[in-house]
Amino acid sequence: MDNTQYDIAAIVRGYALGYFLMADDQGGRLDWYTSRERTLIPLDDRFRYPTSLRRVINQKRFSVAVNRDFRAVVEGCADRKITWLSPELKQVYWALHQAGIAHSFETWQGDELAGGVLGLALGGAFIGESMFFRIPDGSKVAMVKLVEHLRSHHFTLFDAQMMNPHLERFGAYVTDSQTYGKQLQHALLQTCTFDAESPRRFDLSSRN
C-alpha cells in the first residue's frame, strides 16, 4: 500500500466486501485479510455482562465520549508488545477519521483517558478494530456503552473480527463468512450516523 496517499473510497470498499487491514510483523507492510469465521457482538438481548460490571457502571466512575481524543485511542490500541497496528495503519485510520469513517468510543475518569474502542462505521455496521484500557474496567464500560450507542443509532451489526475470552463475556459469537457477508451487505444498505459531527460520509453503492 502506498505510504504517501490513501484512496479512502477503495479502503471503504475493501471493508464493505468483508476484508480488513492489518500490518504484518516483518516490517509493518499493510495488506488485506479475511477469515472463514467472524466474531460478532450481539446488539439484541443476547448481549450480556457481569453483575459486577453493572455495579461499576451504576457508580458512574466513568464518563463516555465519541472522538474526544481519537489519536490517543489509536496510540492506546497500538501500545502493546506485539501489535498489528503499524505507523502506516495509524495514518490510514487518521485519514478515515477525517473522512468521517473511523471513530473512537472512549471512557474517561475526569481528564484521564480510561479506555476505548477503535472502529469503522459503514452504513449500519460498526467494524471494531481494536480496544484498550489504562484504568481497570475502562474498556469494559466502553464496550457496554458502545453497544447502547449503536442500538440507539439503529446499527444492526457489530463486527469484532476475532474471538477472545474478553469478548465471550459479552455474549460474542462466531459466524461463518457466508452468513457474515449477508449480514454485512444488509447493514450497508442502512443509513446510520455514528457521530453527528462527522465531516462526511461515503456512498457505498459503488462498493462492487
N, C-alpha and C. Protein backbone atom coordinates (compact mmCIF):
# COMPACT_ATOMS: atom_id res chain seq x y z
N MET A 1 0.85 -1.20 0.00
CA MET A 1 0.00 0.00 0.00
C MET A 1 0.88 1.25 0.00
N ASP A 2 0.49 2.23 -0.79
CA ASP A 2 1.25 3.46 -0.92
C ASP A 2 1.36 4.16 0.42
N ASN A 3 2.59 4.53 0.81
CA ASN A 3 2.81 5.18 2.10
C ASN A 3 2.45 6.66 2.10
N THR A 4 2.24 7.24 0.93
CA THR A 4 2.09 8.69 0.86
C THR A 4 0.65 9.15 0.64
N GLN A 5 -0.20 8.30 0.11
CA GLN A 5 -1.58 8.71 -0.12
C GLN A 5 -2.49 7.50 0.00
N TYR A 6 -3.75 7.78 0.34
CA TYR A 6 -4.69 6.70 0.57
C TYR A 6 -5.97 6.96 -0.20
N ASP A 7 -6.40 5.97 -0.94
CA ASP A 7 -7.66 6.03 -1.66
C ASP A 7 -8.75 5.61 -0.68
N ILE A 8 -9.36 6.59 -0.02
CA ILE A 8 -10.33 6.30 1.03
C ILE A 8 -11.49 5.48 0.50
N ALA A 9 -11.99 5.84 -0.68
CA ALA A 9 -13.12 5.11 -1.24
C ALA A 9 -12.76 3.64 -1.47
N ALA A 10 -11.53 3.36 -1.92
CA ALA A 10 -11.10 1.99 -2.15
C ALA A 10 -10.98 1.23 -0.83
N ILE A 11 -10.49 1.90 0.21
CA ILE A 11 -10.38 1.27 1.52
C ILE A 11 -11.78 0.93 2.05
N VAL A 12 -12.70 1.86 1.90
CA VAL A 12 -14.08 1.62 2.35
C VAL A 12 -14.68 0.44 1.59
N ARG A 13 -14.42 0.36 0.29
CA ARG A 13 -14.95 -0.77 -0.49
C ARG A 13 -14.37 -2.08 -0.01
N GLY A 14 -13.09 -2.08 0.38
CA GLY A 14 -12.48 -3.30 0.89
C GLY A 14 -13.19 -3.80 2.14
N TYR A 15 -13.43 -2.89 3.08
CA TYR A 15 -14.16 -3.28 4.29
C TYR A 15 -15.60 -3.68 3.97
N ALA A 16 -16.22 -3.01 3.01
CA ALA A 16 -17.59 -3.33 2.63
C ALA A 16 -17.69 -4.71 1.99
N LEU A 17 -16.59 -5.22 1.48
CA LEU A 17 -16.56 -6.57 0.90
C LEU A 17 -16.15 -7.62 1.94
N GLY A 18 -15.93 -7.21 3.17
CA GLY A 18 -15.64 -8.17 4.23
C GLY A 18 -14.17 -8.34 4.55
N TYR A 19 -13.30 -7.52 3.99
CA TYR A 19 -11.87 -7.59 4.27
C TYR A 19 -11.53 -6.59 5.38
N PHE A 20 -10.34 -6.73 5.93
CA PHE A 20 -9.84 -5.75 6.90
C PHE A 20 -8.34 -5.62 6.75
N LEU A 21 -7.82 -4.46 7.14
CA LEU A 21 -6.40 -4.15 7.01
C LEU A 21 -5.63 -4.55 8.26
N MET A 22 -4.45 -5.12 8.05
CA MET A 22 -3.53 -5.40 9.14
C MET A 22 -2.10 -5.24 8.61
N ALA A 23 -1.20 -4.92 9.53
CA ALA A 23 0.22 -4.86 9.18
C ALA A 23 0.88 -6.15 9.62
N ASP A 24 1.79 -6.66 8.80
CA ASP A 24 2.49 -7.90 9.19
C ASP A 24 3.57 -7.58 10.21
N ASP A 25 4.19 -8.62 10.75
CA ASP A 25 5.23 -8.43 11.77
C ASP A 25 6.64 -8.49 11.18
N GLN A 26 6.72 -8.37 9.86
CA GLN A 26 8.02 -8.42 9.18
C GLN A 26 8.38 -7.07 8.59
N GLY A 27 8.00 -6.02 9.26
CA GLY A 27 8.31 -4.69 8.75
C GLY A 27 7.11 -3.78 8.66
N GLY A 28 5.94 -4.32 9.02
CA GLY A 28 4.76 -3.47 9.09
C GLY A 28 4.06 -3.23 7.77
N ARG A 29 4.29 -4.07 6.76
CA ARG A 29 3.63 -3.88 5.47
C ARG A 29 2.12 -4.13 5.62
N LEU A 30 1.31 -3.21 5.10
CA LEU A 30 -0.14 -3.35 5.17
C LEU A 30 -0.64 -4.27 4.08
N ASP A 31 -1.65 -5.07 4.43
CA ASP A 31 -2.29 -5.91 3.43
C ASP A 31 -3.73 -6.18 3.86
N TRP A 32 -4.51 -6.68 2.91
CA TRP A 32 -5.90 -7.03 3.19
C TRP A 32 -5.99 -8.47 3.67
N TYR A 33 -6.86 -8.71 4.64
CA TYR A 33 -7.07 -10.05 5.17
C TYR A 33 -8.57 -10.33 5.27
N THR A 34 -8.90 -11.60 5.30
CA THR A 34 -10.27 -12.02 5.58
C THR A 34 -10.18 -13.30 6.40
N SER A 35 -11.31 -13.82 6.81
CA SER A 35 -11.32 -15.01 7.65
C SER A 35 -12.53 -15.87 7.33
N ARG A 36 -12.40 -17.17 7.56
CA ARG A 36 -13.53 -18.08 7.35
C ARG A 36 -14.61 -17.88 8.41
N GLU A 37 -14.23 -17.29 9.53
CA GLU A 37 -15.17 -17.04 10.61
C GLU A 37 -15.05 -15.59 11.07
N ARG A 38 -16.16 -15.03 11.51
CA ARG A 38 -16.13 -13.67 12.06
C ARG A 38 -16.83 -13.66 13.41
N THR A 39 -16.31 -12.85 14.30
CA THR A 39 -16.89 -12.72 15.63
C THR A 39 -17.78 -11.49 15.67
N LEU A 40 -19.01 -11.67 16.14
CA LEU A 40 -19.97 -10.58 16.22
C LEU A 40 -20.37 -10.35 17.67
N ILE A 41 -20.59 -9.08 18.01
CA ILE A 41 -21.14 -8.71 19.30
C ILE A 41 -22.64 -8.51 19.09
N PRO A 42 -23.48 -9.25 19.81
CA PRO A 42 -24.93 -9.09 19.60
C PRO A 42 -25.42 -7.73 20.04
N LEU A 43 -26.34 -7.19 19.27
CA LEU A 43 -26.95 -5.91 19.61
C LEU A 43 -28.38 -6.10 20.13
N ASP A 44 -28.76 -7.36 20.39
CA ASP A 44 -30.08 -7.66 20.94
C ASP A 44 -29.92 -8.16 22.37
N ASP A 45 -30.91 -8.90 22.86
CA ASP A 45 -30.87 -9.32 24.26
C ASP A 45 -29.86 -10.43 24.55
N ARG A 46 -29.13 -10.88 23.53
CA ARG A 46 -28.05 -11.84 23.77
C ARG A 46 -26.81 -11.16 24.35
N PHE A 47 -26.73 -9.85 24.20
CA PHE A 47 -25.60 -9.13 24.79
C PHE A 47 -25.71 -9.20 26.31
N ARG A 48 -24.61 -9.50 26.98
CA ARG A 48 -24.63 -9.64 28.43
C ARG A 48 -23.31 -9.15 29.01
N TYR A 49 -23.33 -8.90 30.31
CA TYR A 49 -22.11 -8.55 31.01
C TYR A 49 -22.30 -8.82 32.49
N PRO A 50 -21.22 -9.01 33.23
CA PRO A 50 -21.31 -9.43 34.63
C PRO A 50 -22.01 -8.39 35.52
N THR A 51 -22.62 -8.90 36.59
CA THR A 51 -23.26 -8.02 37.56
C THR A 51 -22.26 -7.06 38.18
N SER A 52 -21.03 -7.54 38.38
CA SER A 52 -20.00 -6.68 38.97
C SER A 52 -19.73 -5.47 38.08
N LEU A 53 -19.79 -5.66 36.76
CA LEU A 53 -19.58 -4.54 35.85
C LEU A 53 -20.78 -3.59 35.88
N ARG A 54 -21.96 -4.14 36.07
CA ARG A 54 -23.15 -3.30 36.18
C ARG A 54 -23.02 -2.36 37.38
N ARG A 55 -22.46 -2.89 38.47
CA ARG A 55 -22.26 -2.05 39.65
C ARG A 55 -21.28 -0.91 39.35
N VAL A 56 -20.20 -1.24 38.61
CA VAL A 56 -19.23 -0.21 38.24
C VAL A 56 -19.90 0.88 37.41
N ILE A 57 -20.73 0.48 36.47
CA ILE A 57 -21.42 1.45 35.62
C ILE A 57 -22.35 2.32 36.45
N ASN A 58 -23.07 1.69 37.37
CA ASN A 58 -24.02 2.44 38.21
C ASN A 58 -23.32 3.43 39.14
N GLN A 59 -22.06 3.15 39.46
CA GLN A 59 -21.30 4.06 40.31
C GLN A 59 -20.90 5.33 39.57
N LYS A 60 -21.01 5.31 38.23
CA LYS A 60 -20.73 6.47 37.38
C LYS A 60 -19.31 7.01 37.59
N ARG A 61 -18.37 6.05 37.70
CA ARG A 61 -16.97 6.43 37.83
C ARG A 61 -16.40 6.92 36.51
N PHE A 62 -17.03 6.55 35.41
CA PHE A 62 -16.53 6.91 34.08
C PHE A 62 -17.57 7.72 33.32
N SER A 63 -17.08 8.64 32.52
CA SER A 63 -17.92 9.30 31.53
C SER A 63 -17.54 8.76 30.16
N VAL A 64 -18.41 8.91 29.18
CA VAL A 64 -18.12 8.42 27.84
C VAL A 64 -18.10 9.58 26.85
N ALA A 65 -17.37 9.38 25.77
CA ALA A 65 -17.26 10.41 24.73
C ALA A 65 -17.00 9.75 23.39
N VAL A 66 -17.38 10.43 22.34
CA VAL A 66 -17.12 9.97 20.97
C VAL A 66 -16.11 10.92 20.34
N ASN A 67 -14.98 10.36 19.91
CA ASN A 67 -13.96 11.13 19.16
C ASN A 67 -13.39 12.32 19.94
N ARG A 68 -13.41 12.24 21.25
CA ARG A 68 -12.82 13.34 22.03
C ARG A 68 -11.31 13.39 21.82
N ASP A 69 -10.67 12.21 21.77
CA ASP A 69 -9.22 12.17 21.52
C ASP A 69 -8.91 10.92 20.70
N PHE A 70 -9.26 11.00 19.42
CA PHE A 70 -9.11 9.86 18.52
C PHE A 70 -7.67 9.38 18.47
N ARG A 71 -6.73 10.29 18.34
CA ARG A 71 -5.32 9.90 18.23
C ARG A 71 -4.86 9.13 19.47
N ALA A 72 -5.29 9.56 20.64
CA ALA A 72 -4.88 8.89 21.87
C ALA A 72 -5.42 7.47 21.94
N VAL A 73 -6.63 7.26 21.43
CA VAL A 73 -7.19 5.91 21.41
C VAL A 73 -6.41 5.02 20.45
N VAL A 74 -6.05 5.54 19.30
CA VAL A 74 -5.24 4.77 18.36
C VAL A 74 -3.91 4.39 19.00
N GLU A 75 -3.28 5.35 19.65
CA GLU A 75 -1.99 5.07 20.30
C GLU A 75 -2.16 4.06 21.43
N GLY A 76 -3.26 4.16 22.17
CA GLY A 76 -3.51 3.21 23.24
C GLY A 76 -3.70 1.80 22.71
N CYS A 77 -4.39 1.67 21.59
CA CYS A 77 -4.59 0.35 20.98
C CYS A 77 -3.28 -0.24 20.47
N ALA A 78 -2.37 0.62 20.05
CA ALA A 78 -1.09 0.15 19.49
C ALA A 78 -0.04 -0.10 20.57
N ASP A 79 -0.29 0.35 21.79
CA ASP A 79 0.70 0.29 22.85
C ASP A 79 0.71 -1.08 23.51
N ARG A 80 1.33 -2.05 22.83
CA ARG A 80 1.48 -3.40 23.36
C ARG A 80 2.72 -4.03 22.73
N LYS A 81 3.22 -5.10 23.34
CA LYS A 81 4.48 -5.69 22.89
C LYS A 81 4.42 -6.14 21.44
N ILE A 82 3.35 -6.80 21.07
CA ILE A 82 3.16 -7.25 19.70
C ILE A 82 1.90 -6.59 19.16
N THR A 83 2.04 -5.82 18.09
CA THR A 83 0.90 -5.12 17.53
C THR A 83 0.88 -5.20 16.01
N TRP A 84 -0.33 -5.29 15.48
CA TRP A 84 -0.51 -5.25 14.02
C TRP A 84 -0.83 -3.83 13.57
N LEU A 85 -0.84 -2.90 14.54
CA LEU A 85 -1.21 -1.52 14.24
C LEU A 85 0.07 -0.72 14.00
N SER A 86 0.52 -0.71 12.77
CA SER A 86 1.78 -0.09 12.39
C SER A 86 1.64 1.42 12.25
N PRO A 87 2.76 2.15 12.16
CA PRO A 87 2.69 3.60 11.93
C PRO A 87 1.87 3.96 10.69
N GLU A 88 2.02 3.17 9.63
CA GLU A 88 1.24 3.48 8.43
C GLU A 88 -0.25 3.26 8.66
N LEU A 89 -0.60 2.20 9.38
CA LEU A 89 -2.01 1.93 9.63
C LEU A 89 -2.61 3.03 10.51
N LYS A 90 -1.81 3.57 11.41
CA LYS A 90 -2.27 4.72 12.20
C LYS A 90 -2.64 5.89 11.28
N GLN A 91 -1.82 6.11 10.26
CA GLN A 91 -2.10 7.18 9.30
C GLN A 91 -3.38 6.89 8.52
N VAL A 92 -3.58 5.63 8.17
CA VAL A 92 -4.80 5.25 7.46
C VAL A 92 -6.02 5.54 8.33
N TYR A 93 -5.94 5.15 9.59
CA TYR A 93 -7.06 5.40 10.49
C TYR A 93 -7.34 6.90 10.62
N TRP A 94 -6.27 7.69 10.69
CA TRP A 94 -6.46 9.13 10.80
C TRP A 94 -7.15 9.68 9.56
N ALA A 95 -6.74 9.20 8.37
CA ALA A 95 -7.39 9.63 7.13
C ALA A 95 -8.86 9.22 7.12
N LEU A 96 -9.15 8.00 7.60
CA LEU A 96 -10.53 7.54 7.68
C LEU A 96 -11.33 8.35 8.70
N HIS A 97 -10.68 8.73 9.77
CA HIS A 97 -11.34 9.55 10.78
C HIS A 97 -11.70 10.92 10.21
N GLN A 98 -10.77 11.53 9.49
CA GLN A 98 -11.04 12.83 8.88
C GLN A 98 -12.17 12.75 7.85
N ALA A 99 -12.33 11.56 7.26
CA ALA A 99 -13.40 11.36 6.28
C ALA A 99 -14.73 10.99 6.94
N GLY A 100 -14.75 10.89 8.28
CA GLY A 100 -15.99 10.55 8.98
C GLY A 100 -16.29 9.08 9.01
N ILE A 101 -15.27 8.23 8.80
CA ILE A 101 -15.47 6.77 8.75
C ILE A 101 -14.98 6.10 10.02
N ALA A 102 -13.79 6.44 10.49
CA ALA A 102 -13.21 5.84 11.69
C ALA A 102 -13.55 6.67 12.91
N HIS A 103 -13.83 5.99 14.02
CA HIS A 103 -14.26 6.68 15.24
C HIS A 103 -13.63 6.03 16.46
N SER A 104 -13.56 6.82 17.52
CA SER A 104 -13.17 6.28 18.82
C SER A 104 -14.32 6.48 19.79
N PHE A 105 -14.62 5.42 20.54
CA PHE A 105 -15.63 5.49 21.59
C PHE A 105 -14.88 5.33 22.90
N GLU A 106 -14.94 6.34 23.76
CA GLU A 106 -13.98 6.46 24.86
C GLU A 106 -14.65 6.49 26.22
N THR A 107 -13.92 6.02 27.23
CA THR A 107 -14.30 6.24 28.63
C THR A 107 -13.24 7.12 29.27
N TRP A 108 -13.71 8.01 30.14
CA TRP A 108 -12.84 8.96 30.81
C TRP A 108 -13.10 8.93 32.31
N GLN A 109 -12.05 9.10 33.07
CA GLN A 109 -12.16 9.31 34.51
C GLN A 109 -11.58 10.69 34.79
N GLY A 110 -12.47 11.65 34.92
CA GLY A 110 -12.02 13.03 34.99
C GLY A 110 -11.40 13.43 33.65
N ASP A 111 -10.18 13.92 33.70
CA ASP A 111 -9.48 14.30 32.47
C ASP A 111 -8.52 13.21 31.99
N GLU A 112 -8.63 12.01 32.55
CA GLU A 112 -7.75 10.90 32.16
C GLU A 112 -8.49 9.91 31.29
N LEU A 113 -7.90 9.59 30.14
CA LEU A 113 -8.48 8.60 29.24
C LEU A 113 -8.36 7.22 29.87
N ALA A 114 -9.50 6.58 30.14
CA ALA A 114 -9.51 5.30 30.84
C ALA A 114 -9.46 4.11 29.90
N GLY A 115 -10.03 4.25 28.72
CA GLY A 115 -10.06 3.15 27.76
C GLY A 115 -10.86 3.56 26.54
N GLY A 116 -10.93 2.65 25.58
CA GLY A 116 -11.70 2.99 24.39
C GLY A 116 -11.72 1.90 23.35
N VAL A 117 -12.60 2.09 22.39
CA VAL A 117 -12.75 1.18 21.26
C VAL A 117 -12.54 1.97 19.98
N LEU A 118 -11.77 1.40 19.07
CA LEU A 118 -11.50 1.99 17.76
C LEU A 118 -12.24 1.20 16.71
N GLY A 119 -12.95 1.88 15.81
CA GLY A 119 -13.68 1.14 14.79
C GLY A 119 -14.13 2.00 13.64
N LEU A 120 -14.72 1.34 12.64
CA LEU A 120 -15.22 1.99 11.43
C LEU A 120 -16.73 1.85 11.38
N ALA A 121 -17.41 2.94 11.03
CA ALA A 121 -18.86 2.92 10.86
C ALA A 121 -19.19 3.01 9.38
N LEU A 122 -19.83 1.95 8.86
CA LEU A 122 -20.22 1.90 7.46
C LEU A 122 -21.69 1.52 7.39
N GLY A 123 -22.52 2.45 6.97
CA GLY A 123 -23.95 2.18 6.95
C GLY A 123 -24.42 1.84 8.35
N GLY A 124 -25.05 0.66 8.51
CA GLY A 124 -25.50 0.20 9.81
C GLY A 124 -24.56 -0.79 10.45
N ALA A 125 -23.31 -0.83 9.98
CA ALA A 125 -22.31 -1.75 10.52
C ALA A 125 -21.23 -0.98 11.25
N PHE A 126 -20.85 -1.47 12.43
CA PHE A 126 -19.69 -0.94 13.13
C PHE A 126 -18.66 -2.05 13.16
N ILE A 127 -17.49 -1.78 12.58
CA ILE A 127 -16.42 -2.77 12.49
C ILE A 127 -15.36 -2.42 13.53
N GLY A 128 -15.36 -3.15 14.62
CA GLY A 128 -14.41 -2.90 15.69
C GLY A 128 -13.01 -3.34 15.30
N GLU A 129 -12.06 -2.45 15.39
CA GLU A 129 -10.69 -2.74 15.01
C GLU A 129 -9.81 -3.11 16.21
N SER A 130 -10.01 -2.42 17.32
CA SER A 130 -9.18 -2.69 18.50
C SER A 130 -9.77 -1.98 19.71
N MET A 131 -9.28 -2.37 20.90
CA MET A 131 -9.70 -1.70 22.12
C MET A 131 -8.55 -1.76 23.13
N PHE A 132 -8.61 -0.91 24.15
CA PHE A 132 -7.55 -0.88 25.14
C PHE A 132 -8.09 -0.27 26.43
N PHE A 133 -7.32 -0.39 27.51
CA PHE A 133 -7.66 0.32 28.74
C PHE A 133 -6.39 0.76 29.43
N ARG A 134 -6.50 1.84 30.17
CA ARG A 134 -5.42 2.32 31.03
C ARG A 134 -5.83 2.27 32.50
N ILE A 135 -7.13 2.31 32.74
CA ILE A 135 -7.68 2.20 34.08
C ILE A 135 -8.58 0.97 34.10
N PRO A 136 -8.46 0.11 35.11
CA PRO A 136 -9.30 -1.10 35.17
C PRO A 136 -10.77 -0.81 34.91
N ASP A 137 -11.39 -1.66 34.11
CA ASP A 137 -12.80 -1.58 33.71
C ASP A 137 -13.06 -0.51 32.65
N GLY A 138 -12.03 0.24 32.26
CA GLY A 138 -12.23 1.29 31.27
C GLY A 138 -12.74 0.77 29.94
N SER A 139 -12.15 -0.32 29.43
CA SER A 139 -12.57 -0.86 28.14
C SER A 139 -13.88 -1.62 28.26
N LYS A 140 -14.14 -2.24 29.43
CA LYS A 140 -15.38 -2.98 29.62
C LYS A 140 -16.58 -2.04 29.63
N VAL A 141 -16.44 -0.93 30.33
CA VAL A 141 -17.51 0.06 30.34
C VAL A 141 -17.69 0.64 28.94
N ALA A 142 -16.59 0.86 28.24
CA ALA A 142 -16.68 1.37 26.86
C ALA A 142 -17.47 0.41 25.98
N MET A 143 -17.26 -0.90 26.15
CA MET A 143 -17.98 -1.88 25.35
C MET A 143 -19.48 -1.82 25.62
N VAL A 144 -19.86 -1.78 26.88
CA VAL A 144 -21.29 -1.73 27.23
C VAL A 144 -21.93 -0.46 26.68
N LYS A 145 -21.28 0.66 26.90
CA LYS A 145 -21.84 1.93 26.45
C LYS A 145 -21.84 2.05 24.93
N LEU A 146 -20.86 1.42 24.28
CA LEU A 146 -20.83 1.43 22.82
C LEU A 146 -22.02 0.65 22.27
N VAL A 147 -22.32 -0.51 22.85
CA VAL A 147 -23.48 -1.28 22.40
C VAL A 147 -24.76 -0.45 22.57
N GLU A 148 -24.89 0.23 23.69
CA GLU A 148 -26.05 1.11 23.89
C GLU A 148 -26.10 2.20 22.83
N HIS A 149 -24.94 2.75 22.51
CA HIS A 149 -24.85 3.81 21.49
C HIS A 149 -25.27 3.28 20.12
N LEU A 150 -24.78 2.10 19.76
CA LEU A 150 -25.12 1.51 18.46
C LEU A 150 -26.61 1.19 18.37
N ARG A 151 -27.17 0.67 19.45
CA ARG A 151 -28.60 0.40 19.47
C ARG A 151 -29.41 1.67 19.27
N SER A 152 -29.05 2.72 19.99
CA SER A 152 -29.82 3.96 19.93
C SER A 152 -29.70 4.64 18.57
N HIS A 153 -28.64 4.32 17.82
CA HIS A 153 -28.47 4.89 16.48
C HIS A 153 -28.83 3.90 15.39
N HIS A 154 -29.48 2.79 15.79
CA HIS A 154 -30.11 1.84 14.86
C HIS A 154 -29.11 1.03 14.03
N PHE A 155 -27.90 0.84 14.54
CA PHE A 155 -26.96 -0.07 13.89
C PHE A 155 -27.45 -1.51 14.08
N THR A 156 -27.15 -2.37 13.11
CA THR A 156 -27.61 -3.76 13.19
C THR A 156 -26.47 -4.77 13.23
N LEU A 157 -25.23 -4.32 13.03
CA LEU A 157 -24.10 -5.25 13.00
C LEU A 157 -22.93 -4.65 13.75
N PHE A 158 -22.37 -5.44 14.67
CA PHE A 158 -21.16 -5.05 15.41
C PHE A 158 -20.16 -6.17 15.19
N ASP A 159 -19.22 -5.93 14.29
CA ASP A 159 -18.21 -6.90 13.90
C ASP A 159 -16.97 -6.72 14.77
N ALA A 160 -16.63 -7.76 15.55
CA ALA A 160 -15.44 -7.71 16.40
C ALA A 160 -14.28 -8.48 15.79
N GLN A 161 -14.48 -9.04 14.61
CA GLN A 161 -13.46 -9.73 13.81
C GLN A 161 -13.00 -11.06 14.40
N MET A 162 -12.31 -11.03 15.54
CA MET A 162 -11.72 -12.27 16.08
C MET A 162 -12.13 -12.47 17.54
N MET A 163 -12.45 -13.73 17.89
CA MET A 163 -12.89 -14.05 19.23
C MET A 163 -11.73 -14.07 20.22
N ASN A 164 -12.03 -13.66 21.45
CA ASN A 164 -11.10 -13.82 22.56
C ASN A 164 -11.93 -13.96 23.84
N PRO A 165 -11.34 -14.41 24.94
CA PRO A 165 -12.10 -14.62 26.18
C PRO A 165 -12.80 -13.37 26.67
N HIS A 166 -12.19 -12.21 26.45
CA HIS A 166 -12.80 -10.95 26.89
C HIS A 166 -14.13 -10.73 26.18
N LEU A 167 -14.18 -10.96 24.87
CA LEU A 167 -15.41 -10.75 24.11
C LEU A 167 -16.47 -11.78 24.45
N GLU A 168 -16.05 -13.00 24.75
CA GLU A 168 -17.00 -14.05 25.10
C GLU A 168 -17.87 -13.65 26.29
N ARG A 169 -17.30 -12.90 27.21
CA ARG A 169 -18.04 -12.48 28.40
C ARG A 169 -19.22 -11.57 28.07
N PHE A 170 -19.18 -10.98 26.88
CA PHE A 170 -20.25 -10.08 26.47
C PHE A 170 -21.26 -10.78 25.55
N GLY A 171 -21.14 -12.08 25.40
CA GLY A 171 -22.05 -12.81 24.54
C GLY A 171 -21.63 -12.86 23.09
N ALA A 172 -20.37 -12.52 22.80
CA ALA A 172 -19.88 -12.57 21.41
C ALA A 172 -20.00 -13.99 20.87
N TYR A 173 -20.28 -14.09 19.60
CA TYR A 173 -20.42 -15.40 18.97
C TYR A 173 -19.75 -15.39 17.61
N VAL A 174 -19.47 -16.59 17.11
CA VAL A 174 -18.77 -16.75 15.84
C VAL A 174 -19.75 -17.19 14.77
N THR A 175 -19.64 -16.59 13.59
CA THR A 175 -20.45 -16.99 12.45
C THR A 175 -19.54 -17.24 11.26
N ASP A 176 -20.03 -17.99 10.29
CA ASP A 176 -19.21 -18.28 9.10
C ASP A 176 -19.19 -17.08 8.17
N SER A 177 -18.22 -17.08 7.28
CA SER A 177 -18.01 -15.91 6.42
C SER A 177 -19.18 -15.64 5.49
N GLN A 178 -19.86 -16.70 5.05
CA GLN A 178 -21.00 -16.51 4.15
C GLN A 178 -22.15 -15.80 4.87
N THR A 179 -22.46 -16.27 6.09
CA THR A 179 -23.52 -15.62 6.86
C THR A 179 -23.14 -14.19 7.21
N TYR A 180 -21.87 -14.01 7.59
CA TYR A 180 -21.40 -12.66 7.90
C TYR A 180 -21.55 -11.75 6.69
N GLY A 181 -21.18 -12.24 5.52
CA GLY A 181 -21.28 -11.43 4.31
C GLY A 181 -22.70 -10.95 4.04
N LYS A 182 -23.67 -11.83 4.27
CA LYS A 182 -25.07 -11.45 4.06
C LYS A 182 -25.50 -10.39 5.07
N GLN A 183 -25.09 -10.57 6.33
CA GLN A 183 -25.43 -9.60 7.36
C GLN A 183 -24.77 -8.25 7.08
N LEU A 184 -23.54 -8.30 6.61
CA LEU A 184 -22.82 -7.07 6.30
C LEU A 184 -23.50 -6.33 5.16
N GLN A 185 -23.85 -7.03 4.10
CA GLN A 185 -24.48 -6.37 2.96
C GLN A 185 -25.81 -5.75 3.36
N HIS A 186 -26.55 -6.43 4.22
CA HIS A 186 -27.82 -5.86 4.71
C HIS A 186 -27.55 -4.58 5.51
N ALA A 187 -26.54 -4.63 6.38
CA ALA A 187 -26.24 -3.47 7.22
C ALA A 187 -25.77 -2.29 6.38
N LEU A 188 -25.05 -2.55 5.31
CA LEU A 188 -24.53 -1.46 4.48
C LEU A 188 -25.63 -0.68 3.76
N LEU A 189 -26.80 -1.29 3.63
CA LEU A 189 -27.91 -0.61 2.97
C LEU A 189 -28.59 0.41 3.88
N GLN A 190 -28.25 0.37 5.17
CA GLN A 190 -28.86 1.29 6.12
C GLN A 190 -28.15 2.63 6.13
N THR A 191 -28.85 3.62 6.62
CA THR A 191 -28.26 4.94 6.81
C THR A 191 -28.25 5.23 8.30
N CYS A 192 -27.08 5.10 8.91
CA CYS A 192 -26.93 5.35 10.34
C CYS A 192 -25.81 6.37 10.55
N THR A 193 -25.94 7.16 11.59
CA THR A 193 -24.92 8.15 11.90
C THR A 193 -24.30 7.81 13.24
N PHE A 194 -22.99 7.61 13.24
CA PHE A 194 -22.29 7.30 14.48
C PHE A 194 -22.00 8.57 15.27
N ASP A 195 -21.62 9.61 14.56
CA ASP A 195 -21.25 10.87 15.20
C ASP A 195 -21.78 12.01 14.35
N ALA A 196 -22.63 12.80 14.92
CA ALA A 196 -23.27 13.89 14.16
C ALA A 196 -22.27 14.89 13.64
N GLU A 197 -21.06 14.93 14.22
CA GLU A 197 -20.06 15.90 13.80
C GLU A 197 -19.13 15.35 12.71
N SER A 198 -19.38 14.12 12.25
CA SER A 198 -18.54 13.56 11.20
C SER A 198 -18.60 14.46 9.97
N PRO A 199 -17.43 14.78 9.35
CA PRO A 199 -17.41 15.73 8.24
C PRO A 199 -18.16 15.27 7.00
N ARG A 200 -18.10 13.98 6.68
CA ARG A 200 -18.83 13.49 5.51
C ARG A 200 -18.89 11.98 5.54
N ARG A 201 -19.80 11.44 4.74
CA ARG A 201 -19.96 10.00 4.68
C ARG A 201 -19.92 9.59 3.21
N PHE A 202 -19.58 8.30 2.98
CA PHE A 202 -19.43 7.82 1.61
C PHE A 202 -20.66 7.06 1.15
N ASP A 203 -20.96 7.19 -0.13
CA ASP A 203 -21.99 6.38 -0.77
C ASP A 203 -21.39 5.02 -1.06
N LEU A 204 -21.92 3.97 -0.42
CA LEU A 204 -21.35 2.65 -0.60
C LEU A 204 -21.97 1.90 -1.77
N SER A 205 -22.83 2.55 -2.53
CA SER A 205 -23.49 1.86 -3.63
C SER A 205 -22.52 1.43 -4.71
N SER A 206 -21.31 2.03 -4.75
CA SER A 206 -20.31 1.69 -5.77
C SER A 206 -19.28 0.72 -5.26
N ARG A 207 -19.58 0.04 -4.11
CA ARG A 207 -18.58 -0.81 -3.50
C ARG A 207 -18.19 -2.01 -4.33
N ASN A 208 -19.04 -2.44 -5.27
CA ASN A 208 -18.70 -3.57 -6.12
C ASN A 208 -18.02 -3.14 -7.40
